[in-house]
Amino acid sequence: MANEKIMMNDEQMDRVTGGTILPYRVQQGDSLAEIAKKYNVTVEQLLKWNNIEEGAVLSVGQLLKIKF
């Protein structure tokens, strides 16, 4: 139970954290799924926060916002 990931929606996250944003620079071989897993967020959240359309290709060096 101690290792369970807790997923929050955007509204819950904003209330808890005040909406702190972590910048993330895309590296070679990154995918939205891997980035989402690493930061315990969903792909859908990454798409929304970064105004990315589903199916879009990430570019190396692209700067993403991750909310905490």
PDB file of N, CA and C in Angstrom:
ATOM      1  N   MET A   1       0.799  -1.193   0.000  1.00  0.00           N
ATOM      2  CA  MET A   1       0.000   0.000   0.000  1.00  0.00           C
ATOM      3  C   MET A   1       0.849   1.269   0.000  1.00  0.00           C
ATOM      4  N   ALA A   2       2.016   1.245   0.597  1.00  0.00           N
ATOM      5  CA  ALA A   2       2.847   2.440   0.676  1.00  0.00           C
ATOM      6  C   ALA A   2       3.345   2.882  -0.694  1.00  0.00           C
ATOM      7  N   ASN A   3       3.433   1.962  -1.655  1.00  0.00           N
ATOM      8  CA  ASN A   3       3.934   2.297  -2.978  1.00  0.00           C
ATOM      9  C   ASN A   3       2.830   2.661  -3.964  1.00  0.00           C
ATOM     10  N   GLU A   4       1.577   2.724  -3.519  1.00  0.00           N
ATOM     11  CA  GLU A   4       0.475   3.048  -4.414  1.00  0.00           C
ATOM     12  C   GLU A   4       0.599   4.484  -4.904  1.00  0.00           C
ATOM     13  N   LYS A   5       0.341   4.683  -6.208  1.00  0.00           N
ATOM     14  CA  LYS A   5       0.345   6.020  -6.766  1.00  0.00           C
ATOM     15  C   LYS A   5      -1.038   6.623  -6.584  1.00  0.00           C
ATOM     16  N   ILE A   6      -1.056   7.882  -6.207  1.00  0.00           N
ATOM     17  CA  ILE A   6      -2.318   8.589  -6.040  1.00  0.00           C
ATOM     18  C   ILE A   6      -2.463   9.544  -7.210  1.00  0.00           C
ATOM     19  N   MET A   7      -3.534   9.375  -7.978  1.00  0.00           N
ATOM     20  CA  MET A   7      -3.774  10.233  -9.126  1.00  0.00           C
ATOM     21  C   MET A   7      -4.799  11.297  -8.739  1.00  0.00           C
ATOM     22  N   MET A   8      -4.524  12.536  -9.100  1.00  0.00           N
ATOM     23  CA  MET A   8      -5.432  13.633  -8.825  1.00  0.00           C
ATOM     24  C   MET A   8      -5.834  14.283 -10.133  1.00  0.00           C
ATOM     25  N   ASN A   9      -7.061  14.827 -10.161  1.00  0.00           N
ATOM     26  CA  ASN A   9      -7.440  15.592 -11.337  1.00  0.00           C
ATOM     27  C   ASN A   9      -6.854  16.995 -11.211  1.00  0.00           C
ATOM     28  N   ASP A  10      -6.978  17.797 -12.268  1.00  0.00           N
ATOM     29  CA  ASP A  10      -6.364  19.130 -12.277  1.00  0.00           C
ATOM     30  C   ASP A  10      -6.856  20.009 -11.138  1.00  0.00           C
ATOM     31  N   GLU A  11      -8.151  19.998 -10.873  1.00  0.00           N
ATOM     32  CA  GLU A  11      -8.714  20.851  -9.831  1.00  0.00           C
ATOM     33  C   GLU A  11      -8.168  20.463  -8.464  1.00  0.00           C
ATOM     34  N   GLN A  12      -8.119  19.171  -8.177  1.00  0.00           N
ATOM     35  CA  GLN A  12      -7.573  18.715  -6.896  1.00  0.00           C
ATOM     36  C   GLN A  12      -6.110  19.101  -6.773  1.00  0.00           C
ATOM     37  N   MET A  13      -5.366  18.942  -7.863  1.00  0.00           N
ATOM     38  CA  MET A  13      -3.944  19.247  -7.836  1.00  0.00           C
ATOM     39  C   MET A  13      -3.718  20.730  -7.577  1.00  0.00           C
ATOM     40  N   ASP A  14      -4.506  21.599  -8.208  1.00  0.00           N
ATOM     41  CA  ASP A  14      -4.362  23.032  -8.002  1.00  0.00           C
ATOM     42  C   ASP A  14      -4.641  23.417  -6.548  1.00  0.00           C
ATOM     43  N   ARG A  15      -5.640  22.792  -5.942  1.00  0.00           N
ATOM     44  CA  ARG A  15      -5.970  23.098  -4.544  1.00  0.00           C
ATOM     45  C   ARG A  15      -4.867  22.658  -3.604  1.00  0.00           C
ATOM     46  N   VAL A  16      -4.266  21.524  -3.877  1.00  0.00           N
ATOM     47  CA  VAL A  16      -3.236  20.982  -2.990  1.00  0.00           C
ATOM     48  C   VAL A  16      -1.911  21.711  -3.164  1.00  0.00           C
ATOM     49  N   THR A  17      -1.549  22.021  -4.385  1.00  0.00           N
ATOM     50  CA  THR A  17      -0.212  22.521  -4.663  1.00  0.00           C
ATOM     51  C   THR A  17      -0.151  23.972  -5.077  1.00  0.00           C
ATOM     52  N   GLY A  18      -1.289  24.562  -5.374  1.00  0.00           N
ATOM     53  CA  GLY A  18      -1.268  25.926  -5.874  1.00  0.00           C
ATOM     54  C   GLY A  18      -0.873  25.995  -7.336  1.00  0.00           C
ATOM     55  N   GLY A  19      -0.766  24.878  -7.996  1.00  0.00           N
ATOM     56  CA  GLY A  19      -0.483  24.863  -9.425  1.00  0.00           C
ATOM     57  C   GLY A  19       0.969  25.106  -9.778  1.00  0.00           C
ATOM     58  N   THR A  20       1.906  24.650  -8.978  1.00  0.00           N
ATOM     59  CA  THR A  20       3.321  24.791  -9.286  1.00  0.00           C
ATOM     60  C   THR A  20       3.635  24.062 -10.579  1.00  0.00           C
ATOM     61  N   ILE A  21       4.428  24.696 -11.443  1.00  0.00           N
ATOM     62  CA  ILE A  21       4.753  24.106 -12.742  1.00  0.00           C
ATOM     63  C   ILE A  21       6.232  23.753 -12.794  1.00  0.00           C
ATOM     64  N   LEU A  22       6.504  22.521 -13.194  1.00  0.00           N
ATOM     65  CA  LEU A  22       7.865  22.043 -13.404  1.00  0.00           C
ATOM     66  C   LEU A  22       8.106  21.992 -14.906  1.00  0.00           C
ATOM     67  N   PRO A  23       9.132  22.683 -15.398  1.00  0.00           N
ATOM     68  CA  PRO A  23       9.438  22.559 -16.820  1.00  0.00           C
ATOM     69  C   PRO A  23      10.180  21.248 -17.077  1.00  0.00           C
ATOM     70  N   TYR A  24       9.881  20.616 -18.201  1.00  0.00           N
ATOM     71  CA  TYR A  24      10.570  19.381 -18.573  1.00  0.00           C
ATOM     72  C   TYR A  24      10.991  19.485 -20.032  1.00  0.00           C
ATOM     73  N   ARG A  25      12.274  19.293 -20.301  1.00  0.00           N
ATOM     74  CA  ARG A  25      12.813  19.344 -21.661  1.00  0.00           C
ATOM     75  C   ARG A  25      12.826  17.934 -22.230  1.00  0.00           C
ATOM     76  N   VAL A  26      12.148  17.724 -23.358  1.00  0.00           N
ATOM     77  CA  VAL A  26      12.031  16.412 -23.997  1.00  0.00           C
ATOM     78  C   VAL A  26      13.408  15.937 -24.458  1.00  0.00           C
ATOM     79  N   GLN A  27      13.709  14.690 -24.114  1.00  0.00           N
ATOM     80  CA  GLN A  27      14.977  14.053 -24.484  1.00  0.00           C
ATOM     81  C   GLN A  27      14.740  13.032 -25.596  1.00  0.00           C
ATOM     82  N   GLN A  28      15.796  12.666 -26.284  1.00  0.00           N
ATOM     83  CA  GLN A  28      15.722  11.646 -27.334  1.00  0.00           C
ATOM     84  C   GLN A  28      15.093  10.369 -26.770  1.00  0.00           C
ATOM     85  N   GLY A  29      14.084   9.852 -27.442  1.00  0.00           N
ATOM     86  CA  GLY A  29      13.446   8.604 -27.036  1.00  0.00           C
ATOM     87  C   GLY A  29      12.292   8.767 -26.056  1.00  0.00           C
ATOM     88  N   ASP A  30      12.050   9.988 -25.568  1.00  0.00           N
ATOM     89  CA  ASP A  30      10.940  10.219 -24.644  1.00  0.00           C
ATOM     90  C   ASP A  30       9.593  10.014 -25.332  1.00  0.00           C
ATOM     91  N   SER A  31       8.627   9.590 -24.554  1.00  0.00           N
ATOM     92  CA  SER A  31       7.236   9.538 -25.011  1.00  0.00           C
ATOM     93  C   SER A  31       6.386  10.169 -23.923  1.00  0.00           C
ATOM     94  N   LEU A  32       5.197  10.613 -24.295  1.00  0.00           N
ATOM     95  CA  LEU A  32       4.306  11.189 -23.290  1.00  0.00           C
ATOM     96  C   LEU A  32       3.984  10.172 -22.208  1.00  0.00           C
ATOM     97  N   ALA A  33       3.814   8.923 -22.598  1.00  0.00           N
ATOM     98  CA  ALA A  33       3.490   7.880 -21.619  1.00  0.00           C
ATOM     99  C   ALA A  33       4.623   7.711 -20.600  1.00  0.00           C
ATOM    100  N   GLU A  34       5.865   7.724 -21.065  1.00  0.00           N
ATOM    101  CA  GLU A  34       7.000   7.567 -20.152  1.00  0.00           C
ATOM    102  C   GLU A  34       7.139   8.777 -19.228  1.00  0.00           C
ATOM    103  N   ILE A  35       6.956   9.970 -19.787  1.00  0.00           N
ATOM    104  CA  ILE A  35       7.053  11.193 -18.984  1.00  0.00           C
ATOM    105  C   ILE A  35       5.938  11.214 -17.942  1.00  0.00           C
ATOM    106  N   ALA A  36       4.726  10.866 -18.358  1.00  0.00           N
ATOM    107  CA  ALA A  36       3.590  10.834 -17.436  1.00  0.00           C
ATOM    108  C   ALA A  36       3.855   9.867 -16.290  1.00  0.00           C
ATOM    109  N   LYS A  37       4.346   8.690 -16.603  1.00  0.00           N
ATOM    110  CA  LYS A  37       4.634   7.693 -15.575  1.00  0.00           C
ATOM    111  C   LYS A  37       5.707   8.199 -14.607  1.00  0.00           C
ATOM    112  N   LYS A  38       6.746   8.816 -15.155  1.00  0.00           N
ATOM    113  CA  LYS A  38       7.846   9.316 -14.337  1.00  0.00           C
ATOM    114  C   LYS A  38       7.380  10.355 -13.318  1.00  0.00           C
ATOM    115  N   TYR A  39       6.422  11.192 -13.715  1.00  0.00           N
ATOM    116  CA  TYR A  39       5.970  12.283 -12.852  1.00  0.00           C
ATOM    117  C   TYR A  39       4.605  12.025 -12.218  1.00  0.00           C
ATOM    118  N   ASN A  40       4.101  10.791 -12.358  1.00  0.00           N
ATOM    119  CA  ASN A  40       2.855  10.379 -11.726  1.00  0.00           C
ATOM    120  C   ASN A  40       1.666  11.254 -12.134  1.00  0.00           C
ATOM    121  N   VAL A  41       1.589  11.543 -13.427  1.00  0.00           N
ATOM    122  CA  VAL A  41       0.465  12.267 -14.008  1.00  0.00           C
ATOM    123  C   VAL A  41      -0.058  11.435 -15.169  1.00  0.00           C
ATOM    124  N   THR A  42      -1.137  11.870 -15.799  1.00  0.00           N
ATOM    125  CA  THR A  42      -1.662  11.136 -16.942  1.00  0.00           C
ATOM    126  C   THR A  42      -1.217  11.784 -18.245  1.00  0.00           C
ATOM    127  N   VAL A  43      -1.261  10.999 -19.305  1.00  0.00           N
ATOM    128  CA  VAL A  43      -0.962  11.527 -20.634  1.00  0.00           C
ATOM    129  C   VAL A  43      -1.962  12.634 -20.964  1.00  0.00           C
ATOM    130  N   GLU A  44      -3.209  12.429 -20.598  1.00  0.00           N
ATOM    131  CA  GLU A  44      -4.246  13.423 -20.869  1.00  0.00           C
ATOM    132  C   GLU A  44      -3.921  14.755 -20.192  1.00  0.00           C
ATOM    133  N   GLN A  45      -3.397  14.702 -18.968  1.00  0.00           N
ATOM    134  CA  GLN A  45      -3.010  15.934 -18.281  1.00  0.00           C
ATOM    135  C   GLN A  45      -1.871  16.626 -19.026  1.00  0.00           C
ATOM    136  N   LEU A  46      -0.871  15.867 -19.453  1.00  0.00           N
ATOM    137  CA  LEU A  46       0.242  16.455 -20.208  1.00  0.00           C
ATOM    138  C   LEU A  46      -0.262  17.119 -21.487  1.00  0.00           C
ATOM    139  N   LEU A  47      -1.175  16.450 -22.184  1.00  0.00           N
ATOM    140  CA  LEU A  47      -1.734  17.010 -23.418  1.00  0.00           C
ATOM    141  C   LEU A  47      -2.426  18.335 -23.127  1.00  0.00           C
ATOM    142  N   LYS A  48      -3.237  18.364 -22.069  1.00  0.00           N
ATOM    143  CA  LYS A  48      -3.999  19.560 -21.716  1.00  0.00           C
ATOM    144  C   LYS A  48      -3.082  20.704 -21.294  1.00  0.00           C
ATOM    145  N   TRP A  49      -2.171  20.421 -20.380  1.00  0.00           N
ATOM    146  CA  TRP A  49      -1.294  21.460 -19.846  1.00  0.00           C
ATOM    147  C   TRP A  49      -0.421  22.098 -20.916  1.00  0.00           C
ATOM    148  N   ASN A  50      -0.126  21.330 -21.967  1.00  0.00           N
ATOM    149  CA  ASN A  50       0.809  21.787 -22.993  1.00  0.00           C
ATOM    150  C   ASN A  50       0.146  22.073 -24.335  1.00  0.00           C
ATOM    151  N   ASN A  51      -1.183  22.059 -24.360  1.00  0.00           N
ATOM    152  CA  ASN A  51      -1.925  22.326 -25.597  1.00  0.00           C
ATOM    153  C   ASN A  51      -1.420  21.473 -26.758  1.00  0.00           C
ATOM    154  N   ILE A  52      -1.253  20.191 -26.480  1.00  0.00           N
ATOM    155  CA  ILE A  52      -0.789  19.242 -27.495  1.00  0.00           C
ATOM    156  C   ILE A  52      -1.976  18.399 -27.930  1.00  0.00           C
ATOM    157  N   GLU A  53      -2.109  18.206 -29.227  1.00  0.00           N
ATOM    158  CA  GLU A  53      -3.179  17.355 -29.736  1.00  0.00           C
ATOM    159  C   GLU A  53      -2.769  15.894 -29.635  1.00  0.00           C
ATOM    160  N   GLU A  54      -3.743  15.038 -29.333  1.00  0.00           N
ATOM    161  CA  GLU A  54      -3.475  13.606 -29.243  1.00  0.00           C
ATOM    162  C   GLU A  54      -2.898  13.130 -30.570  1.00  0.00           C
ATOM    163  N   GLY A  55      -1.847  12.340 -30.508  1.00  0.00           N
ATOM    164  CA  GLY A  55      -1.195  11.820 -31.704  1.00  0.00           C
ATOM    165  C   GLY A  55      -0.039  12.678 -32.195  1.00  0.00           C
ATOM    166  N   ALA A  56       0.158  13.861 -31.594  1.00  0.00           N
ATOM    167  CA  ALA A  56       1.251  14.739 -31.991  1.00  0.00           C
ATOM    168  C   ALA A  56       2.588  14.102 -31.616  1.00  0.00           C
ATOM    169  N   VAL A  57       3.605  14.417 -32.369  1.00  0.00           N
ATOM    170  CA  VAL A  57       4.949  13.888 -32.128  1.00  0.00           C
ATOM    171  C   VAL A  57       5.740  14.907 -31.311  1.00  0.00           C
ATOM    172  N   LEU A  58       6.412  14.422 -30.268  1.00  0.00           N
ATOM    173  CA  LEU A  58       7.267  15.285 -29.461  1.00  0.00           C
ATOM    174  C   LEU A  58       8.568  15.561 -30.203  1.00  0.00           C
ATOM    175  N   SER A  59       9.139  16.732 -29.966  1.00  0.00           N
ATOM    176  CA  SER A  59      10.420  17.094 -30.554  1.00  0.00           C
ATOM    177  C   SER A  59      11.480  17.134 -29.461  1.00  0.00           C
ATOM    178  N   VAL A  60      12.655  16.622 -29.762  1.00  0.00           N
ATOM    179  CA  VAL A  60      13.766  16.709 -28.815  1.00  0.00           C
ATOM    180  C   VAL A  60      14.011  18.187 -28.521  1.00  0.00           C
ATOM    181  N   GLY A  61      14.108  18.524 -27.256  1.00  0.00           N
ATOM    182  CA  GLY A  61      14.327  19.896 -26.832  1.00  0.00           C
ATOM    183  C   GLY A  61      13.041  20.646 -26.536  1.00  0.00           C
ATOM    184  N   GLN A  62      11.900  20.076 -26.909  1.00  0.00           N
ATOM    185  CA  GLN A  62      10.609  20.709 -26.640  1.00  0.00           C
ATOM    186  C   GLN A  62      10.427  20.851 -25.135  1.00  0.00           C
ATOM    187  N   LEU A  63       9.915  21.995 -24.705  1.00  0.00           N
ATOM    188  CA  LEU A  63       9.698  22.242 -23.288  1.00  0.00           C
ATOM    189  C   LEU A  63       8.248  21.950 -22.924  1.00  0.00           C
ATOM    190  N   LEU A  64       8.062  21.064 -21.963  1.00  0.00           N
ATOM    191  CA  LEU A  64       6.734  20.705 -21.483  1.00  0.00           C
ATOM    192  C   LEU A  64       6.525  21.247 -20.095  1.00  0.00           C
ATOM    193  N   LYS A  65       5.259  21.511 -19.738  1.00  0.00           N
ATOM    194  CA  LYS A  65       4.899  21.927 -18.393  1.00  0.00           C
ATOM    195  C   LYS A  65       4.286  20.745 -17.676  1.00  0.00           C
ATOM    196  N   ILE A  66       4.728  20.511 -16.446  1.00  0.00           N
ATOM    197  CA  ILE A  66       4.147  19.457 -15.608  1.00  0.00           C
ATOM    198  C   ILE A  66       3.699  20.148 -14.327  1.00  0.00           C
ATOM    199  N   LYS A  67       2.390  20.037 -14.013  1.00  0.00           N
ATOM    200  CA  LYS A  67       1.836  20.697 -12.832  1.00  0.00           C
ATOM    201  C   LYS A  67       1.936  19.813 -11.596  1.00  0.00           C
ATOM    202  N   PHE A  68       2.241  20.458 -10.487  1.00  0.00           N
ATOM    203  CA  PHE A  68       2.303  19.787  -9.197  1.00  0.00           C
ATOM    204  C   PHE A  68       1.490  20.550  -8.196  1.00  0.00           C
TER     205      PHE A  68
END
